[in-house]
Amino acid sequence: MTRASRNTVSAAAENSYLADVALAANFDELLAEAREAEQDFRSAQAAGAPADEQYPLAKRLDAALTAAMKAGFAAERAEIGPRGYDDRIYRRKAKAK
C-alpha cells in the first residue's frame, strides 16, 4: 500500500465529515436553546407547577440537551478530520493527542 492511497478518504467518510461540520456549526445555538429550556423547566419547578405543565418542559429540555450533545460529539469527530472516519487507528491517535 502506498502512502498516497492511505491518505485518501472514501466518499462516505467525506460526506459524514461534512455533515458533522454542519451540525457542529450549530452548537452555540443549540446550547443556548438548551439553557433556555432548562431555565423554563427550573422556573416551573420552583413555582410548583403541576406535573402536566412540567412534563412538556422536561421533554423540551431533554430534546435540547440531546441536540446539543450530538453537535458537541460531531464537533469532536470533525476536529479529527475526514480520515478519522475510515481509519480507526488514525482516529485513536488523534483523540489521544
C-alpha atoms as a PDB file:
ATOM      1  CA  MET A   1       0.000   0.000   0.000  1.00  0.00           C
ATOM      2  CA  THR A   2       1.466   3.310  -0.992  1.00  0.00           C
ATOM      3  CA  ARG A   3       1.425   6.339   1.213  1.00  0.00           C
ATOM      4  CA  ALA A   4      -0.886   8.227  -1.170  1.00  0.00           C
ATOM      5  CA  SER A   5      -3.543   5.509  -1.021  1.00  0.00           C
ATOM      6  CA  ARG A   6      -3.513   5.535   2.787  1.00  0.00           C
ATOM      7  CA  ASN A   7      -4.269   9.248   2.866  1.00  0.00           C
ATOM      8  CA  THR A   8      -7.245   9.063   0.533  1.00  0.00           C
ATOM      9  CA  VAL A   9     -10.668   9.298   2.071  1.00  0.00           C
ATOM     10  CA  SER A  10     -13.791   7.482   0.931  1.00  0.00           C
ATOM     11  CA  ALA A  11     -16.805   9.401  -0.294  1.00  0.00           C
ATOM     12  CA  ALA A  12     -18.851   8.123   2.657  1.00  0.00           C
ATOM     13  CA  ALA A  13     -16.256   9.398   5.117  1.00  0.00           C
ATOM     14  CA  GLU A  14     -16.142  12.768   3.377  1.00  0.00           C
ATOM     15  CA  ASN A  15     -19.952  13.023   3.487  1.00  0.00           C
ATOM     16  CA  SER A  16     -20.025  12.098   7.185  1.00  0.00           C
ATOM     17  CA  TYR A  17     -17.336  14.664   7.880  1.00  0.00           C
ATOM     18  CA  LEU A  18     -19.233  17.422   6.060  1.00  0.00           C
ATOM     19  CA  ALA A  19     -22.458  16.511   7.904  1.00  0.00           C
ATOM     20  CA  ASP A  20     -20.617  16.689  11.233  1.00  0.00           C
ATOM     21  CA  VAL A  21     -19.078  20.050  10.338  1.00  0.00           C
ATOM     22  CA  ALA A  22     -22.534  21.417   9.518  1.00  0.00           C
ATOM     23  CA  LEU A  23     -24.003  20.080  12.767  1.00  0.00           C
ATOM     24  CA  ALA A  24     -21.075  21.359  14.822  1.00  0.00           C
ATOM     25  CA  ALA A  25     -21.589  24.835  13.377  1.00  0.00           C
ATOM     26  CA  ASN A  26     -24.960  24.954  15.176  1.00  0.00           C
ATOM     27  CA  PHE A  27     -23.529  24.052  18.588  1.00  0.00           C
ATOM     28  CA  ASP A  28     -23.768  27.551  20.098  1.00  0.00           C
ATOM     29  CA  GLU A  29     -27.394  27.951  19.027  1.00  0.00           C
ATOM     30  CA  LEU A  30     -28.304  24.510  20.334  1.00  0.00           C
ATOM     31  CA  LEU A  31     -26.579  25.169  23.640  1.00  0.00           C
ATOM     32  CA  ALA A  32     -28.419  28.475  24.037  1.00  0.00           C
ATOM     33  CA  GLU A  33     -31.695  26.677  23.332  1.00  0.00           C
ATOM     34  CA  ALA A  34     -30.844  24.074  25.985  1.00  0.00           C
ATOM     35  CA  ARG A  35     -30.097  26.817  28.516  1.00  0.00           C
ATOM     36  CA  GLU A  36     -33.431  28.480  27.776  1.00  0.00           C
ATOM     37  CA  ALA A  37     -35.286  25.156  28.056  1.00  0.00           C
ATOM     38  CA  GLU A  38     -33.586  24.432  31.375  1.00  0.00           C
ATOM     39  CA  GLN A  39     -34.441  27.862  32.718  1.00  0.00           C
ATOM     40  CA  ASP A  40     -38.102  27.411  31.754  1.00  0.00           C
ATOM     41  CA  PHE A  41     -38.213  23.968  33.353  1.00  0.00           C
ATOM     42  CA  ARG A  42     -36.471  25.096  36.564  1.00  0.00           C
ATOM     43  CA  SER A  43     -38.824  28.094  36.819  1.00  0.00           C
ATOM     44  CA  ALA A  44     -41.834  25.796  36.532  1.00  0.00           C
ATOM     45  CA  GLN A  45     -40.375  23.530  39.217  1.00  0.00           C
ATOM     46  CA  ALA A  46     -39.695  26.453  41.545  1.00  0.00           C
ATOM     47  CA  ALA A  47     -43.216  27.788  41.041  1.00  0.00           C
ATOM     48  CA  GLY A  48     -44.663  24.404  41.950  1.00  0.00           C
ATOM     49  CA  ALA A  49     -46.364  23.943  38.589  1.00  0.00           C
ATOM     50  CA  PRO A  50     -48.362  20.729  38.240  1.00  0.00           C
ATOM     51  CA  ALA A  51     -46.718  17.756  36.575  1.00  0.00           C
ATOM     52  CA  ASP A  52     -48.802  18.096  33.424  1.00  0.00           C
ATOM     53  CA  GLU A  53     -47.249  21.536  32.882  1.00  0.00           C
ATOM     54  CA  GLN A  54     -43.719  20.438  33.811  1.00  0.00           C
ATOM     55  CA  TYR A  55     -43.694  17.358  31.591  1.00  0.00           C
ATOM     56  CA  PRO A  56     -43.651  19.178  28.217  1.00  0.00           C
ATOM     57  CA  LEU A  57     -40.930  21.478  29.544  1.00  0.00           C
ATOM     58  CA  ALA A  58     -38.895  18.466  30.673  1.00  0.00           C
ATOM     59  CA  LYS A  59     -39.320  16.827  27.263  1.00  0.00           C
ATOM     60  CA  ARG A  60     -38.208  20.051  25.572  1.00  0.00           C
ATOM     61  CA  LEU A  61     -35.150  20.185  27.852  1.00  0.00           C
ATOM     62  CA  ASP A  62     -34.309  16.571  27.066  1.00  0.00           C
ATOM     63  CA  ALA A  63     -34.557  17.166  23.311  1.00  0.00           C
ATOM     64  CA  ALA A  64     -32.473  20.354  23.534  1.00  0.00           C
ATOM     65  CA  LEU A  65     -29.747  18.661  25.595  1.00  0.00           C
ATOM     66  CA  THR A  66     -29.672  15.706  23.208  1.00  0.00           C
ATOM     67  CA  ALA A  67     -29.289  18.005  20.200  1.00  0.00           C
ATOM     68  CA  ALA A  68     -26.507  19.965  21.918  1.00  0.00           C
ATOM     69  CA  MET A  69     -24.666  16.758  22.845  1.00  0.00           C
ATOM     70  CA  LYS A  70     -24.938  15.434  19.289  1.00  0.00           C
ATOM     71  CA  ALA A  71     -23.484  18.691  17.988  1.00  0.00           C
ATOM     72  CA  GLY A  72     -20.678  18.502  20.539  1.00  0.00           C
ATOM     73  CA  PHE A  73     -19.759  14.963  19.561  1.00  0.00           C
ATOM     74  CA  ALA A  74     -19.962  15.947  15.888  1.00  0.00           C
ATOM     75  CA  ALA A  75     -17.511  18.784  16.568  1.00  0.00           C
ATOM     76  CA  GLU A  76     -15.149  16.332  18.245  1.00  0.00           C
ATOM     77  CA  ARG A  77     -15.293  13.966  15.264  1.00  0.00           C
ATOM     78  CA  ALA A  78     -14.934  16.805  12.759  1.00  0.00           C
ATOM     79  CA  GLU A  79     -11.859  18.119  14.572  1.00  0.00           C
ATOM     80  CA  ILE A  80     -10.062  14.858  13.788  1.00  0.00           C
ATOM     81  CA  GLY A  81     -10.791  15.236  10.086  1.00  0.00           C
ATOM     82  CA  PRO A  82     -12.313  13.063   7.370  1.00  0.00           C
ATOM     83  CA  ARG A  83      -9.582  10.431   7.578  1.00  0.00           C
ATOM     84  CA  GLY A  84     -10.697   9.565  11.108  1.00  0.00           C
ATOM     85  CA  TYR A  85     -13.977   8.185   9.775  1.00  0.00           C
ATOM     86  CA  ASP A  86     -12.210   5.445   7.796  1.00  0.00           C
ATOM     87  CA  ASP A  87      -9.080   4.778   9.808  1.00  0.00           C
ATOM     88  CA  ARG A  88      -9.651   3.516  13.353  1.00  0.00           C
ATOM     89  CA  ILE A  89      -6.011   3.840  14.357  1.00  0.00           C
ATOM     90  CA  TYR A  90      -5.755   7.378  12.990  1.00  0.00           C
ATOM     91  CA  ARG A  91      -8.875   8.308  14.995  1.00  0.00           C
ATOM     92  CA  ARG A  92      -7.493   6.767  18.213  1.00  0.00           C
ATOM     93  CA  LYS A  93      -4.182   8.569  17.834  1.00  0.00           C
ATOM     94  CA  ALA A  94      -5.923  11.879  17.130  1.00  0.00           C
ATOM     95  CA  LYS A  95      -8.157  11.508  20.181  1.00  0.00           C
ATOM     96  CA  ALA A  96      -5.152  10.692  22.351  1.00  0.00           C
ATOM     97  CA  LYS A  97      -3.448  13.969  21.496  1.00  0.00           C
END
